[in-house]
N, C-alpha and C. Protein backbone atom coordinates (compact mmCIF):
# COMPACT_ATOMS: atom_id res chain seq x y z
N UNK A 1 -31.91 28.94 -25.27
CA UNK A 1 -30.59 28.99 -24.66
C UNK A 1 -29.75 29.97 -25.49
N UNK A 2 -29.08 30.84 -24.78
CA UNK A 2 -28.28 31.86 -25.47
C UNK A 2 -26.83 31.41 -25.59
N UNK A 3 -26.07 32.15 -26.36
CA UNK A 3 -24.63 31.90 -26.49
C UNK A 3 -23.93 32.01 -25.14
N UNK A 4 -24.38 32.94 -24.33
CA UNK A 4 -23.81 33.13 -22.98
C UNK A 4 -24.05 31.88 -22.12
N UNK A 5 -25.25 31.33 -22.23
CA UNK A 5 -25.58 30.10 -21.48
C UNK A 5 -24.69 28.94 -21.93
N UNK A 6 -24.49 28.82 -23.22
CA UNK A 6 -23.64 27.75 -23.76
C UNK A 6 -22.19 27.92 -23.28
N UNK A 7 -21.72 29.13 -23.22
CA UNK A 7 -20.35 29.38 -22.74
C UNK A 7 -20.22 28.99 -21.26
N UNK A 8 -21.26 29.27 -20.47
CA UNK A 8 -21.24 28.89 -19.04
C UNK A 8 -21.18 27.37 -18.89
N UNK A 9 -21.97 26.66 -19.67
CA UNK A 9 -21.98 25.19 -19.62
C UNK A 9 -20.62 24.66 -20.07
N UNK A 10 -20.08 25.24 -21.14
CA UNK A 10 -18.78 24.80 -21.64
C UNK A 10 -17.69 25.01 -20.59
N UNK A 11 -17.70 26.18 -19.89
CA UNK A 11 -16.72 26.43 -18.83
C UNK A 11 -16.90 25.45 -17.68
N UNK A 12 -18.16 25.15 -17.34
CA UNK A 12 -18.43 24.20 -16.25
C UNK A 12 -17.89 22.81 -16.61
N UNK A 13 -18.11 22.39 -17.86
CA UNK A 13 -17.58 21.10 -18.31
C UNK A 13 -16.05 21.08 -18.26
N UNK A 14 -15.44 22.18 -18.66
CA UNK A 14 -13.98 22.27 -18.63
C UNK A 14 -13.46 22.17 -17.20
N UNK A 15 -14.13 22.84 -16.26
CA UNK A 15 -13.72 22.76 -14.84
C UNK A 15 -13.86 21.33 -14.31
N UNK A 16 -14.98 20.71 -14.65
CA UNK A 16 -15.21 19.33 -14.19
C UNK A 16 -14.18 18.39 -14.81
N UNK A 17 -13.93 18.55 -16.09
CA UNK A 17 -12.97 17.69 -16.77
C UNK A 17 -11.57 17.83 -16.16
N UNK A 18 -11.16 19.06 -15.90
CA UNK A 18 -9.84 19.28 -15.30
C UNK A 18 -9.79 18.67 -13.90
N UNK A 19 -10.87 18.79 -13.15
CA UNK A 19 -10.89 18.23 -11.79
C UNK A 19 -10.89 16.71 -11.82
N UNK A 20 -11.55 16.10 -12.80
CA UNK A 20 -11.51 14.65 -12.94
C UNK A 20 -10.07 14.20 -13.15
N UNK A 21 -9.35 14.89 -13.99
CA UNK A 21 -7.94 14.55 -14.22
C UNK A 21 -7.11 14.70 -12.96
N UNK A 22 -7.32 15.80 -12.21
CA UNK A 22 -6.58 15.99 -10.95
C UNK A 22 -6.92 14.90 -9.94
N UNK A 23 -8.21 14.61 -9.82
CA UNK A 23 -8.63 13.62 -8.82
C UNK A 23 -8.17 12.21 -9.17
N UNK A 24 -8.08 11.90 -10.44
CA UNK A 24 -7.55 10.59 -10.83
C UNK A 24 -6.12 10.43 -10.30
N UNK A 25 -5.31 11.45 -10.48
CA UNK A 25 -3.93 11.41 -10.00
C UNK A 25 -3.89 11.42 -8.47
N UNK A 26 -4.67 12.30 -7.86
CA UNK A 26 -4.65 12.43 -6.40
C UNK A 26 -5.17 11.17 -5.71
N UNK A 27 -6.24 10.59 -6.25
CA UNK A 27 -6.81 9.39 -5.63
C UNK A 27 -5.78 8.27 -5.61
N UNK A 28 -5.11 8.05 -6.72
CA UNK A 28 -4.09 7.00 -6.78
C UNK A 28 -2.95 7.30 -5.81
N UNK A 29 -2.50 8.54 -5.79
CA UNK A 29 -1.39 8.95 -4.92
C UNK A 29 -1.76 8.78 -3.44
N UNK A 30 -2.93 9.29 -3.05
CA UNK A 30 -3.33 9.20 -1.65
C UNK A 30 -3.64 7.76 -1.24
N UNK A 31 -4.26 6.99 -2.13
CA UNK A 31 -4.56 5.59 -1.82
C UNK A 31 -3.27 4.81 -1.60
N UNK A 32 -2.27 5.04 -2.44
CA UNK A 32 -0.98 4.36 -2.28
C UNK A 32 -0.33 4.74 -0.96
N UNK A 33 -0.39 6.01 -0.62
CA UNK A 33 0.19 6.46 0.65
C UNK A 33 -0.55 5.85 1.83
N UNK A 34 -1.88 5.84 1.78
CA UNK A 34 -2.69 5.22 2.84
C UNK A 34 -2.31 3.75 3.01
N UNK A 35 -2.20 3.04 1.87
CA UNK A 35 -1.86 1.61 1.93
C UNK A 35 -0.48 1.41 2.53
N UNK A 36 0.49 2.24 2.13
CA UNK A 36 1.84 2.14 2.68
C UNK A 36 1.81 2.30 4.20
N UNK A 37 1.12 3.31 4.70
CA UNK A 37 1.04 3.53 6.15
C UNK A 37 0.32 2.37 6.84
N UNK A 38 -0.75 1.87 6.22
CA UNK A 38 -1.48 0.72 6.79
C UNK A 38 -0.59 -0.51 6.85
N UNK A 39 0.16 -0.75 5.78
CA UNK A 39 1.05 -1.90 5.72
C UNK A 39 2.10 -1.84 6.82
N UNK A 40 2.76 -0.72 6.96
CA UNK A 40 3.79 -0.58 7.99
C UNK A 40 3.18 -0.67 9.39
N UNK A 41 1.99 -0.10 9.57
CA UNK A 41 1.32 -0.20 10.88
C UNK A 41 0.95 -1.65 11.19
N UNK A 42 0.48 -2.39 10.18
CA UNK A 42 0.10 -3.79 10.40
C UNK A 42 1.31 -4.66 10.70
N UNK A 43 2.44 -4.37 10.08
CA UNK A 43 3.66 -5.13 10.38
C UNK A 43 4.10 -4.84 11.82
N UNK A 44 4.10 -3.59 12.18
CA UNK A 44 4.55 -3.18 13.52
C UNK A 44 3.61 -3.69 14.61
N UNK A 45 2.31 -3.62 14.35
CA UNK A 45 1.34 -4.04 15.37
C UNK A 45 1.07 -5.54 15.36
N UNK A 46 1.62 -6.25 14.34
CA UNK A 46 1.41 -7.69 14.20
C UNK A 46 -0.07 -8.04 14.00
N UNK A 47 -0.79 -7.17 13.30
CA UNK A 47 -2.24 -7.32 13.13
C UNK A 47 -2.65 -8.71 12.61
N UNK A 48 -1.93 -9.25 11.65
CA UNK A 48 -2.32 -10.53 11.05
C UNK A 48 -1.49 -11.70 11.56
N UNK A 49 -0.70 -11.49 12.58
CA UNK A 49 0.18 -12.57 13.07
C UNK A 49 -0.62 -13.77 13.57
N UNK A 50 -1.78 -13.54 14.15
CA UNK A 50 -2.58 -14.67 14.64
C UNK A 50 -3.33 -15.39 13.53
N UNK A 51 -3.38 -14.77 12.35
CA UNK A 51 -4.09 -15.38 11.22
C UNK A 51 -3.16 -16.18 10.33
N UNK A 52 -1.93 -16.34 10.72
CA UNK A 52 -0.95 -17.01 9.87
C UNK A 52 -0.24 -18.10 10.67
N UNK A 53 0.59 -18.85 9.99
CA UNK A 53 1.35 -19.91 10.64
C UNK A 53 2.34 -19.33 11.64
N UNK A 54 2.43 -19.97 12.76
CA UNK A 54 3.42 -19.57 13.77
C UNK A 54 4.80 -20.08 13.36
N UNK A 55 5.81 -19.47 13.93
CA UNK A 55 7.17 -19.94 13.71
C UNK A 55 7.38 -21.26 14.43
N UNK A 56 8.31 -22.06 13.93
CA UNK A 56 8.69 -23.26 14.65
C UNK A 56 9.40 -22.82 15.93
N UNK A 57 9.40 -23.66 16.93
CA UNK A 57 10.04 -23.30 18.20
C UNK A 57 11.53 -23.02 18.03
N UNK A 58 12.21 -23.82 17.19
CA UNK A 58 13.65 -23.60 17.00
C UNK A 58 13.91 -22.26 16.31
N UNK A 59 13.08 -21.91 15.32
CA UNK A 59 13.28 -20.62 14.65
C UNK A 59 12.94 -19.47 15.59
N UNK A 60 11.88 -19.63 16.36
CA UNK A 60 11.49 -18.58 17.31
C UNK A 60 12.61 -18.34 18.33
N UNK A 61 13.22 -19.42 18.81
CA UNK A 61 14.35 -19.27 19.74
C UNK A 61 15.51 -18.54 19.08
N UNK A 62 15.84 -18.95 17.85
CA UNK A 62 16.92 -18.30 17.11
C UNK A 62 16.62 -16.81 16.91
N UNK A 63 15.38 -16.50 16.49
CA UNK A 63 15.00 -15.11 16.24
C UNK A 63 15.07 -14.30 17.53
N UNK A 64 14.61 -14.86 18.62
CA UNK A 64 14.64 -14.14 19.90
C UNK A 64 16.07 -13.86 20.36
N UNK A 65 16.98 -14.78 20.06
CA UNK A 65 18.38 -14.57 20.44
C UNK A 65 19.05 -13.54 19.54
N UNK A 66 18.83 -13.67 18.23
CA UNK A 66 19.50 -12.79 17.26
C UNK A 66 18.89 -11.40 17.19
N UNK A 67 17.58 -11.33 17.31
CA UNK A 67 16.86 -10.05 17.17
C UNK A 67 15.76 -9.96 18.24
N UNK A 68 16.14 -9.81 19.48
CA UNK A 68 15.15 -9.79 20.56
C UNK A 68 14.18 -8.62 20.42
N UNK A 69 12.92 -8.89 20.71
CA UNK A 69 11.91 -7.86 20.71
C UNK A 69 11.36 -7.46 19.36
N UNK A 70 11.82 -8.09 18.28
CA UNK A 70 11.33 -7.73 16.95
C UNK A 70 9.93 -8.31 16.75
N UNK A 71 9.03 -7.55 16.10
CA UNK A 71 7.69 -8.07 15.80
C UNK A 71 7.74 -9.29 14.87
N UNK A 72 6.62 -9.93 14.71
CA UNK A 72 6.47 -11.17 13.97
C UNK A 72 7.13 -11.13 12.59
N UNK A 73 6.86 -10.09 11.79
CA UNK A 73 7.38 -10.05 10.42
C UNK A 73 8.76 -9.42 10.31
N UNK A 74 9.33 -8.99 11.41
CA UNK A 74 10.63 -8.32 11.33
C UNK A 74 11.73 -9.21 11.87
N UNK A 75 12.66 -9.57 11.01
CA UNK A 75 13.88 -10.25 11.43
C UNK A 75 14.95 -9.19 11.62
N UNK A 76 15.03 -8.33 10.64
CA UNK A 76 15.84 -7.11 10.75
C UNK A 76 14.95 -6.01 10.20
N UNK A 77 15.41 -4.81 10.15
CA UNK A 77 14.59 -3.72 9.62
C UNK A 77 14.75 -3.54 8.12
N UNK A 78 15.56 -4.37 7.47
CA UNK A 78 15.86 -4.20 6.05
C UNK A 78 14.60 -4.27 5.18
N UNK A 79 13.80 -5.30 5.33
CA UNK A 79 12.60 -5.45 4.51
C UNK A 79 11.61 -4.33 4.82
N UNK A 80 11.38 -4.07 6.08
CA UNK A 80 10.44 -3.02 6.50
C UNK A 80 10.85 -1.67 5.91
N UNK A 81 12.13 -1.35 6.01
CA UNK A 81 12.61 -0.06 5.51
C UNK A 81 12.64 0.01 3.99
N UNK A 82 12.63 -1.13 3.33
CA UNK A 82 12.66 -1.15 1.86
C UNK A 82 11.29 -0.92 1.23
N UNK A 83 10.23 -1.07 2.01
CA UNK A 83 8.89 -0.88 1.47
C UNK A 83 8.76 0.56 0.99
N UNK A 84 8.39 0.71 -0.27
CA UNK A 84 8.38 2.04 -0.88
C UNK A 84 7.07 2.32 -1.61
N UNK A 85 6.82 3.59 -1.80
CA UNK A 85 5.69 4.09 -2.57
C UNK A 85 6.30 4.97 -3.66
N UNK A 86 6.19 4.54 -4.91
CA UNK A 86 6.82 5.30 -5.98
C UNK A 86 5.90 5.42 -7.19
N UNK A 87 6.11 6.48 -7.96
CA UNK A 87 5.34 6.68 -9.18
C UNK A 87 5.80 5.70 -10.24
N UNK A 88 4.85 5.14 -10.97
CA UNK A 88 5.13 4.22 -12.07
C UNK A 88 4.40 4.73 -13.31
N UNK A 89 4.66 4.16 -14.44
CA UNK A 89 4.04 4.59 -15.69
C UNK A 89 2.51 4.55 -15.60
N UNK A 90 1.97 3.49 -15.03
CA UNK A 90 0.52 3.30 -14.99
C UNK A 90 -0.07 3.54 -13.61
N UNK A 91 0.54 4.37 -12.80
CA UNK A 91 -0.01 4.64 -11.49
C UNK A 91 1.07 4.70 -10.44
N UNK A 92 0.89 3.96 -9.36
CA UNK A 92 1.83 3.98 -8.26
C UNK A 92 2.17 2.54 -7.87
N UNK A 93 3.31 2.38 -7.23
CA UNK A 93 3.78 1.08 -6.77
C UNK A 93 4.02 1.17 -5.27
N UNK A 94 3.48 0.24 -4.52
CA UNK A 94 3.78 0.13 -3.09
C UNK A 94 4.25 -1.29 -2.87
N UNK A 95 5.47 -1.44 -2.39
CA UNK A 95 6.03 -2.76 -2.15
C UNK A 95 7.53 -2.69 -2.05
N UNK A 96 8.17 -3.79 -2.35
CA UNK A 96 9.63 -3.88 -2.29
C UNK A 96 10.17 -3.66 -3.71
N UNK A 97 10.91 -2.57 -3.94
CA UNK A 97 11.49 -2.36 -5.28
C UNK A 97 12.45 -3.50 -5.65
N UNK A 98 12.54 -3.79 -6.92
CA UNK A 98 13.41 -4.89 -7.37
C UNK A 98 14.88 -4.61 -7.07
N UNK A 99 15.23 -3.35 -6.88
CA UNK A 99 16.63 -2.99 -6.61
C UNK A 99 16.97 -3.01 -5.12
N UNK A 100 15.98 -3.20 -4.25
CA UNK A 100 16.21 -3.14 -2.80
C UNK A 100 17.10 -4.29 -2.33
N UNK A 101 18.07 -3.95 -1.50
CA UNK A 101 18.97 -4.95 -0.92
C UNK A 101 19.01 -4.78 0.59
N UNK A 102 19.40 -5.85 1.27
CA UNK A 102 19.54 -5.78 2.73
C UNK A 102 20.93 -5.25 3.08
N UNK A 103 21.23 -5.22 4.36
CA UNK A 103 22.51 -4.65 4.81
C UNK A 103 23.71 -5.48 4.35
N UNK A 104 23.47 -6.70 3.88
CA UNK A 104 24.56 -7.54 3.37
C UNK A 104 24.62 -7.56 1.84
N UNK A 105 23.80 -6.71 1.20
CA UNK A 105 23.82 -6.61 -0.25
C UNK A 105 22.96 -7.62 -0.98
N UNK A 106 22.20 -8.44 -0.26
CA UNK A 106 21.33 -9.43 -0.90
C UNK A 106 19.99 -8.78 -1.27
N UNK A 107 19.43 -9.22 -2.40
CA UNK A 107 18.13 -8.68 -2.83
C UNK A 107 17.05 -9.08 -1.82
N UNK A 108 16.17 -8.13 -1.52
CA UNK A 108 15.13 -8.34 -0.52
C UNK A 108 13.86 -8.92 -1.13
N UNK A 109 13.61 -8.64 -2.42
CA UNK A 109 12.38 -9.09 -3.07
C UNK A 109 12.09 -10.57 -2.89
N UNK A 110 13.06 -11.47 -3.16
CA UNK A 110 12.78 -12.90 -2.98
C UNK A 110 12.40 -13.26 -1.54
N UNK A 111 12.99 -12.58 -0.58
CA UNK A 111 12.65 -12.83 0.83
C UNK A 111 11.21 -12.42 1.10
N UNK A 112 10.82 -11.27 0.57
CA UNK A 112 9.45 -10.79 0.75
C UNK A 112 8.44 -11.73 0.10
N UNK A 113 8.75 -12.20 -1.10
CA UNK A 113 7.86 -13.12 -1.80
C UNK A 113 7.73 -14.43 -1.03
N UNK A 114 8.84 -14.94 -0.55
CA UNK A 114 8.83 -16.19 0.21
C UNK A 114 8.03 -16.02 1.50
N UNK A 115 8.16 -14.90 2.15
CA UNK A 115 7.40 -14.66 3.38
C UNK A 115 5.91 -14.55 3.08
N UNK A 116 5.57 -13.83 2.03
CA UNK A 116 4.16 -13.60 1.69
C UNK A 116 3.46 -14.87 1.18
N UNK A 117 4.14 -15.65 0.36
CA UNK A 117 3.50 -16.80 -0.29
C UNK A 117 3.99 -18.16 0.17
N UNK A 118 5.08 -18.20 0.93
CA UNK A 118 5.62 -19.46 1.40
C UNK A 118 6.51 -20.11 0.35
N UNK A 119 7.22 -21.15 0.79
CA UNK A 119 8.11 -21.87 -0.12
C UNK A 119 8.48 -23.19 0.53
N UNK A 120 8.43 -24.24 -0.24
CA UNK A 120 8.78 -25.57 0.25
C UNK A 120 8.14 -25.83 1.61
N UNK A 121 8.97 -25.94 2.65
CA UNK A 121 8.42 -26.25 3.98
C UNK A 121 8.05 -24.99 4.77
N UNK A 122 8.33 -23.83 4.23
CA UNK A 122 7.97 -22.60 4.94
C UNK A 122 6.57 -22.16 4.53
N UNK A 123 5.65 -22.09 5.47
CA UNK A 123 4.29 -21.66 5.11
C UNK A 123 4.24 -20.15 4.84
N UNK A 124 3.21 -19.74 4.12
CA UNK A 124 3.01 -18.32 3.85
C UNK A 124 2.69 -17.59 5.15
N UNK A 125 3.26 -16.40 5.28
CA UNK A 125 2.95 -15.52 6.41
C UNK A 125 2.63 -14.15 5.82
N UNK A 126 1.46 -14.09 5.18
CA UNK A 126 1.07 -12.93 4.38
C UNK A 126 0.74 -11.72 5.23
N UNK A 127 1.18 -10.56 4.76
CA UNK A 127 0.79 -9.28 5.35
C UNK A 127 0.43 -8.27 4.25
N UNK A 128 1.09 -8.33 3.09
CA UNK A 128 0.78 -7.39 2.01
C UNK A 128 -0.65 -7.60 1.50
N UNK A 129 -1.00 -8.84 1.17
CA UNK A 129 -2.33 -9.14 0.64
C UNK A 129 -3.46 -8.81 1.60
N UNK A 130 -3.40 -9.30 2.85
CA UNK A 130 -4.48 -8.98 3.79
C UNK A 130 -4.61 -7.48 4.06
N UNK A 131 -3.49 -6.77 4.09
CA UNK A 131 -3.54 -5.32 4.29
C UNK A 131 -4.22 -4.64 3.11
N UNK A 132 -3.88 -5.07 1.89
CA UNK A 132 -4.52 -4.49 0.71
C UNK A 132 -6.02 -4.76 0.73
N UNK A 133 -6.41 -6.00 1.00
CA UNK A 133 -7.83 -6.34 1.04
C UNK A 133 -8.57 -5.50 2.06
N UNK A 134 -8.00 -5.37 3.25
CA UNK A 134 -8.62 -4.57 4.32
C UNK A 134 -8.72 -3.11 3.90
N UNK A 135 -7.64 -2.57 3.33
CA UNK A 135 -7.66 -1.17 2.90
C UNK A 135 -8.73 -0.95 1.83
N UNK A 136 -8.75 -1.80 0.83
CA UNK A 136 -9.70 -1.63 -0.27
C UNK A 136 -11.14 -1.75 0.23
N UNK A 137 -11.39 -2.72 1.10
CA UNK A 137 -12.75 -2.96 1.60
C UNK A 137 -13.22 -1.88 2.57
N UNK A 138 -12.32 -1.27 3.33
CA UNK A 138 -12.74 -0.39 4.41
C UNK A 138 -12.34 1.07 4.31
N UNK A 139 -11.32 1.40 3.55
CA UNK A 139 -10.85 2.79 3.55
C UNK A 139 -10.85 3.43 2.17
N UNK A 140 -10.66 2.65 1.14
CA UNK A 140 -10.56 3.21 -0.20
C UNK A 140 -11.82 3.97 -0.60
N UNK A 141 -12.99 3.45 -0.24
CA UNK A 141 -14.25 4.09 -0.64
C UNK A 141 -14.33 5.51 -0.08
N UNK A 142 -13.80 5.73 1.12
CA UNK A 142 -13.80 7.09 1.69
C UNK A 142 -12.95 8.03 0.84
N UNK A 143 -11.80 7.54 0.39
CA UNK A 143 -10.94 8.34 -0.50
C UNK A 143 -11.68 8.64 -1.81
N UNK A 144 -12.33 7.63 -2.38
CA UNK A 144 -13.04 7.82 -3.64
C UNK A 144 -14.20 8.80 -3.46
N UNK A 145 -14.92 8.72 -2.35
CA UNK A 145 -16.02 9.66 -2.08
C UNK A 145 -15.51 11.09 -1.99
N UNK A 146 -14.36 11.29 -1.36
CA UNK A 146 -13.78 12.62 -1.26
C UNK A 146 -13.46 13.16 -2.66
N UNK A 147 -12.90 12.32 -3.52
CA UNK A 147 -12.61 12.75 -4.88
C UNK A 147 -13.88 13.12 -5.63
N UNK A 148 -14.92 12.32 -5.47
CA UNK A 148 -16.19 12.61 -6.15
C UNK A 148 -16.79 13.93 -5.67
N UNK A 149 -16.67 14.20 -4.37
CA UNK A 149 -17.20 15.47 -3.86
C UNK A 149 -16.42 16.66 -4.41
N UNK A 150 -15.14 16.51 -4.60
CA UNK A 150 -14.33 17.60 -5.19
C UNK A 150 -14.73 17.82 -6.65
N UNK A 151 -14.99 16.75 -7.36
CA UNK A 151 -15.45 16.88 -8.74
C UNK A 151 -16.82 17.56 -8.78
N UNK A 152 -17.69 17.12 -7.93
CA UNK A 152 -19.05 17.70 -7.86
C UNK A 152 -18.97 19.19 -7.52
N UNK A 153 -18.03 19.54 -6.64
CA UNK A 153 -17.87 20.95 -6.26
C UNK A 153 -17.50 21.83 -7.44
N UNK A 154 -16.86 21.32 -8.44
CA UNK A 154 -16.50 22.09 -9.63
C UNK A 154 -17.72 22.32 -10.53
N UNK A 155 -18.70 21.45 -10.41
CA UNK A 155 -19.91 21.60 -11.22
C UNK A 155 -20.84 22.63 -10.61
N UNK A 156 -20.83 22.72 -9.30
CA UNK A 156 -21.75 23.63 -8.60
C UNK A 156 -21.35 25.07 -8.74
């Protein structure tokens, strides 16, 4: 092996290393964006509404009067519109920011937690967890494969 050969291998390693760093950032960014879109689509389409507890008849009547035509998880658009995808120190965050408030100035986070996990007599009506599980099981691997192919392309 000559010095020239060693330099070629060293450059190839440098290209692969740089691409690994880029793909780590891109994979997290794209996965978070995919999850955000899946989450909003699942709320709008009511994908998991049949897998969760139904509303009581009195609440359903109240909701239909106050907010006619709203999907299962939407009472108003405040929670839906507060769902965000933002950069964090250790990656990305998709969910309700702690600073998010509704149109009346009340924090939205506790409402989201209560809806997702339930409280006292209110059963859980989860959408964040099932959407994440579905995304990770069915779509994330495609994103990861794309990243691996980009890394492999730098070696070739």
